[in-house]
Structure formats: structure tokens, C-alpha cells
Amino acid sequence: MRTGRPPLEWGTHGEITTRTVASGHVRASARVRLWDGELQWMTATASTASDARASLQHRIAERLRFSELDAWRYLTPDDPFDELAYMWLGDLQWDSDVSWSTHARCERVVRTQLQPTFGKFKIRELTAERIEQRLSSQSV
């Protein structure tokens, strides 16, 4: 009887593998088990295998640091919108399917449009009616 690979412990990563991609760069990848138990694939690309591994190890360390903070912190309806926006941008940053430019655009919209308008509201206070009211008063 064959068994699958053993599960990763929380806050650890599996073997880092590398492969050369079409551009000639090297992509390093590994599975990471976050502090909330979620498994995530992470990658990093660089011009050499050792640089790609080092970059990935740095990204993994940062992701685990944020994961540890977020694993014990859940939003409540009484938290400010600023906190929700901060957590959402953090999740977006670590989503490997989101490009850097998309994350930068989302961060700019949150910082310049959403936080100034809704930043001090509690999450429970952000109803569709209140959002529509604020947006319509800004478009005049």
C-alpha cells in the first residue's frame, strides 16, 4: 500500500525545486503550510537558481510572518474599514496569480479613494445605501 507525502507542519515549507522557464530565468517553487493550516504554492523567479531559491526563501519567511499575525486575528463587524482594506491587500499581495501591477493599482485605489471616504467607518456601518450615498455625493 502506497502512502502520500506526509503533511507539512504549520509554518513550514516543502522542498524548494527549480526549473528554467522560457525566458531563460530560473523559477523556484515550494508548497507552504501557513499558520492557519492553508496550503499555498509560492514561486520566485531570478536569473540563477541560487538567487531564485534565496528570493523564494525570503518570500516564504515574509508570508509566514504575515500568516502568523493573521491566523490569530479575525475581523469583526466592529473593526474599522481600514483594517479590512489592509488585510485584503495583504492577501492580494501573496496571491501568486495577481501581477505586481494589479496589486499596485488596487493599493492605489484603496489608498486614494476608499480609505479617505470609508476608512473611519466600522465594517458593520458600510451598508450598500451608505456606500451609494457617499459615491453619489462625490460624483457631483
C-alpha atoms as a PDB file:
ATOM      1  CA  MET A   1       0.000   0.000   0.000  1.00  0.00           C
ATOM      2  CA  ARG A   2       1.406   3.379  -1.017  1.00  0.00           C
ATOM      3  CA  THR A   3       1.006   6.414   1.122  1.00  0.00           C
ATOM      4  CA  GLY A   4       1.010  10.037   0.044  1.00  0.00           C
ATOM      5  CA  ARG A   5       3.534  12.560   1.121  1.00  0.00           C
ATOM      6  CA  PRO A   6       3.391  13.443   4.805  1.00  0.00           C
ATOM      7  CA  PRO A   7       1.572  16.679   5.583  1.00  0.00           C
ATOM      8  CA  LEU A   8       3.641  19.775   6.204  1.00  0.00           C
ATOM      9  CA  GLU A   9       3.710  21.115   9.732  1.00  0.00           C
ATOM     10  CA  TRP A  10       2.112  24.536  10.241  1.00  0.00           C
ATOM     11  CA  GLY A  11       4.525  27.337   9.462  1.00  0.00           C
ATOM     12  CA  THR A  12       6.853  25.242   7.284  1.00  0.00           C
ATOM     13  CA  HIS A  13       7.557  24.688   3.612  1.00  0.00           C
ATOM     14  CA  GLY A  14       8.347  21.660   1.498  1.00  0.00           C
ATOM     15  CA  GLU A  15      11.281  21.056  -0.795  1.00  0.00           C
ATOM     16  CA  ILE A  16      12.243  24.005  -2.978  1.00  0.00           C
ATOM     17  CA  THR A  17      12.514  22.918  -6.606  1.00  0.00           C
ATOM     18  CA  THR A  18      13.850  24.938  -9.527  1.00  0.00           C
ATOM     19  CA  ARG A  19      13.358  24.842 -13.264  1.00  0.00           C
ATOM     20  CA  THR A  20      14.346  27.039 -16.173  1.00  0.00           C
ATOM     21  CA  VAL A  21      11.457  28.887 -17.810  1.00  0.00           C
ATOM     22  CA  ALA A  22      11.086  30.085 -21.407  1.00  0.00           C
ATOM     23  CA  SER A  23      12.725  33.468 -20.734  1.00  0.00           C
ATOM     24  CA  GLY A  24      15.907  31.721 -19.587  1.00  0.00           C
ATOM     25  CA  HIS A  25      15.303  32.679 -15.973  1.00  0.00           C
ATOM     26  CA  VAL A  26      15.003  30.136 -13.176  1.00  0.00           C
ATOM     27  CA  ARG A  27      11.786  29.688 -11.214  1.00  0.00           C
ATOM     28  CA  ALA A  28      11.919  28.259  -7.693  1.00  0.00           C
ATOM     29  CA  SER A  29       8.727  26.871  -6.165  1.00  0.00           C
ATOM     30  CA  ALA A  30       7.589  25.173  -2.978  1.00  0.00           C
ATOM     31  CA  ARG A  31       4.475  24.285  -1.021  1.00  0.00           C
ATOM     32  CA  VAL A  32       3.972  26.323   2.137  1.00  0.00           C
ATOM     33  CA  ARG A  33       1.695  25.494   5.057  1.00  0.00           C
ATOM     34  CA  LEU A  34       0.523  28.743   6.600  1.00  0.00           C
ATOM     35  CA  TRP A  35      -0.216  29.186  10.296  1.00  0.00           C
ATOM     36  CA  ASP A  36      -3.956  28.897   9.621  1.00  0.00           C
ATOM     37  CA  GLY A  37      -3.389  25.456   8.045  1.00  0.00           C
ATOM     38  CA  GLU A  38      -3.892  26.575   4.438  1.00  0.00           C
ATOM     39  CA  LEU A  39      -1.522  25.107   1.836  1.00  0.00           C
ATOM     40  CA  GLN A  40      -0.192  27.509  -0.754  1.00  0.00           C
ATOM     41  CA  TRP A  41       2.225  27.225  -3.684  1.00  0.00           C
ATOM     42  CA  MET A  42       4.767  30.018  -3.766  1.00  0.00           C
ATOM     43  CA  THR A  43       7.217  30.879  -6.519  1.00  0.00           C
ATOM     44  CA  ALA A  44      10.075  33.281  -7.196  1.00  0.00           C
ATOM     45  CA  THR A  45      11.996  33.893 -10.401  1.00  0.00           C
ATOM     46  CA  ALA A  46      15.572  35.123 -10.830  1.00  0.00           C
ATOM     47  CA  SER A  47      18.475  34.848 -13.253  1.00  0.00           C
ATOM     48  CA  THR A  48      20.170  31.984 -11.353  1.00  0.00           C
ATOM     49  CA  ALA A  49      18.924  29.008  -9.365  1.00  0.00           C
ATOM     50  CA  SER A  50      20.609  30.169  -6.161  1.00  0.00           C
ATOM     51  CA  ASP A  51      19.094  33.665  -6.494  1.00  0.00           C
ATOM     52  CA  ALA A  52      15.661  32.178  -7.173  1.00  0.00           C
ATOM     53  CA  ARG A  53      15.939  29.938  -4.092  1.00  0.00           C
ATOM     54  CA  ALA A  54      17.088  32.847  -1.917  1.00  0.00           C
ATOM     55  CA  SER A  55      14.275  35.046  -3.200  1.00  0.00           C
ATOM     56  CA  LEU A  56      11.716  32.316  -2.559  1.00  0.00           C
ATOM     57  CA  GLN A  57      13.040  31.683   0.956  1.00  0.00           C
ATOM     58  CA  HIS A  58      12.687  35.408   1.675  1.00  0.00           C
ATOM     59  CA  ARG A  59       9.111  35.468   0.293  1.00  0.00           C
ATOM     60  CA  ILE A  60       8.219  32.367   2.344  1.00  0.00           C
ATOM     61  CA  ALA A  61       9.596  33.931   5.532  1.00  0.00           C
ATOM     62  CA  GLU A  62       7.599  37.134   4.926  1.00  0.00           C
ATOM     63  CA  ARG A  63       4.419  35.213   4.072  1.00  0.00           C
ATOM     64  CA  LEU A  64       4.698  33.063   7.178  1.00  0.00           C
ATOM     65  CA  ARG A  65       5.254  36.163   9.302  1.00  0.00           C
ATOM     66  CA  PHE A  66       2.060  37.755   7.963  1.00  0.00           C
ATOM     67  CA  SER A  67       0.221  34.437   8.165  1.00  0.00           C
ATOM     68  CA  GLU A  68       1.117  34.057  11.828  1.00  0.00           C
ATOM     69  CA  LEU A  69      -0.248  37.516  12.582  1.00  0.00           C
ATOM     70  CA  ASP A  70      -3.417  36.959  10.539  1.00  0.00           C
ATOM     71  CA  ALA A  71      -4.074  33.427  11.834  1.00  0.00           C
ATOM     72  CA  TRP A  72      -4.901  34.758  15.286  1.00  0.00           C
ATOM     73  CA  ARG A  73      -6.680  37.905  14.124  1.00  0.00           C
ATOM     74  CA  TYR A  74     -10.139  37.711  12.634  1.00  0.00           C
ATOM     75  CA  LEU A  75     -12.109  40.756  11.629  1.00  0.00           C
ATOM     76  CA  THR A  76     -15.299  41.602  13.449  1.00  0.00           C
ATOM     77  CA  PRO A  77     -18.127  43.922  12.390  1.00  0.00           C
ATOM     78  CA  ASP A  78     -16.741  46.478  14.864  1.00  0.00           C
ATOM     79  CA  ASP A  79     -13.334  46.703  13.180  1.00  0.00           C
ATOM     80  CA  PRO A  80     -12.628  49.758  11.011  1.00  0.00           C
ATOM     81  CA  PHE A  81     -12.757  49.542   7.233  1.00  0.00           C
ATOM     82  CA  ASP A  82      -9.033  50.453   7.196  1.00  0.00           C
ATOM     83  CA  GLU A  83      -8.261  47.098   8.826  1.00  0.00           C
ATOM     84  CA  LEU A  84     -10.350  45.208   6.268  1.00  0.00           C
ATOM     85  CA  ALA A  85      -8.586  47.017   3.405  1.00  0.00           C
ATOM     86  CA  TYR A  86      -5.164  46.299   4.931  1.00  0.00           C
ATOM     87  CA  MET A  87      -5.911  42.581   5.293  1.00  0.00           C
ATOM     88  CA  TRP A  88      -7.372  42.342   1.779  1.00  0.00           C
ATOM     89  CA  LEU A  89      -4.306  43.998   0.245  1.00  0.00           C
ATOM     90  CA  GLY A  90      -2.096  41.612   2.227  1.00  0.00           C
ATOM     91  CA  ASP A  91      -3.977  38.610   0.872  1.00  0.00           C
ATOM     92  CA  LEU A  92      -3.819  40.048  -2.635  1.00  0.00           C
ATOM     93  CA  GLN A  93      -0.059  40.556  -2.351  1.00  0.00           C
ATOM     94  CA  TRP A  94       0.554  36.886  -1.642  1.00  0.00           C
ATOM     95  CA  ASP A  95      -1.813  35.538  -4.285  1.00  0.00           C
ATOM     96  CA  SER A  96       0.622  34.241  -6.895  1.00  0.00           C
ATOM     97  CA  ASP A  97      -1.934  34.755  -9.689  1.00  0.00           C
ATOM     98  CA  VAL A  98      -2.018  38.529  -9.170  1.00  0.00           C
ATOM     99  CA  SER A  99       0.588  40.575 -11.015  1.00  0.00           C
ATOM    100  CA  TRP A 100       2.614  43.280  -9.335  1.00  0.00           C
ATOM    101  CA  SER A 101       0.910  45.966 -11.461  1.00  0.00           C
ATOM    102  CA  THR A 102      -2.566  44.737 -10.472  1.00  0.00           C
ATOM    103  CA  HIS A 103      -1.621  44.804  -6.796  1.00  0.00           C
ATOM    104  CA  ALA A 104      -0.158  48.311  -7.183  1.00  0.00           C
ATOM    105  CA  ARG A 105      -3.346  49.537  -8.893  1.00  0.00           C
ATOM    106  CA  CYS A 106      -5.566  48.043  -6.170  1.00  0.00           C
ATOM    107  CA  GLU A 107      -3.358  49.518  -3.445  1.00  0.00           C
ATOM    108  CA  ARG A 108      -3.591  52.958  -5.090  1.00  0.00           C
ATOM    109  CA  VAL A 109      -7.397  52.790  -5.344  1.00  0.00           C
ATOM    110  CA  VAL A 110      -7.706  51.743  -1.694  1.00  0.00           C
ATOM    111  CA  ARG A 111      -5.284  54.457  -0.532  1.00  0.00           C
ATOM    112  CA  THR A 112      -6.606  57.344  -2.654  1.00  0.00           C
ATOM    113  CA  GLN A 113     -10.319  56.607  -2.955  1.00  0.00           C
ATOM    114  CA  LEU A 114     -11.635  54.050  -0.463  1.00  0.00           C
ATOM    115  CA  GLN A 115      -9.728  54.843   2.732  1.00  0.00           C
ATOM    116  CA  PRO A 116     -10.334  58.610   2.607  1.00  0.00           C
ATOM    117  CA  THR A 117     -14.045  58.000   2.072  1.00  0.00           C
ATOM    118  CA  PHE A 118     -14.756  54.912   4.194  1.00  0.00           C
ATOM    119  CA  GLY A 119     -11.653  54.482   6.360  1.00  0.00           C
ATOM    120  CA  LYS A 120     -13.152  55.541   9.689  1.00  0.00           C
ATOM    121  CA  PHE A 121     -16.403  53.614   9.301  1.00  0.00           C
ATOM    122  CA  LYS A 122     -16.790  50.329  11.102  1.00  0.00           C
ATOM    123  CA  ILE A 123     -17.359  47.353   8.834  1.00  0.00           C
ATOM    124  CA  ARG A 124     -20.924  46.983  10.136  1.00  0.00           C
ATOM    125  CA  GLU A 125     -21.670  50.589   9.160  1.00  0.00           C
ATOM    126  CA  LEU A 126     -20.812  50.058   5.500  1.00  0.00           C
ATOM    127  CA  THR A 127     -24.200  49.304   4.027  1.00  0.00           C
ATOM    128  CA  ALA A 128     -24.986  49.435   0.313  1.00  0.00           C
ATOM    129  CA  GLU A 129     -27.122  52.522   0.950  1.00  0.00           C
ATOM    130  CA  ARG A 130     -24.309  54.365   2.759  1.00  0.00           C
ATOM    131  CA  ILE A 131     -21.784  53.467   0.052  1.00  0.00           C
ATOM    132  CA  GLU A 132     -24.118  54.622  -2.736  1.00  0.00           C
ATOM    133  CA  GLN A 133     -24.835  57.828  -0.827  1.00  0.00           C
ATOM    134  CA  ARG A 134     -21.119  58.616  -0.404  1.00  0.00           C
ATOM    135  CA  LEU A 135     -20.261  57.757  -4.002  1.00  0.00           C
ATOM    136  CA  SER A 136     -23.110  59.822  -5.448  1.00  0.00           C
ATOM    137  CA  SER A 137     -22.124  62.863  -3.350  1.00  0.00           C
ATOM    138  CA  GLN A 138     -18.552  62.593  -4.680  1.00  0.00           C
ATOM    139  CA  SER A 139     -19.558  62.368  -8.339  1.00  0.00           C
ATOM    140  CA  VAL A 140     -21.364  65.742  -8.293  1.00  0.00           C
END
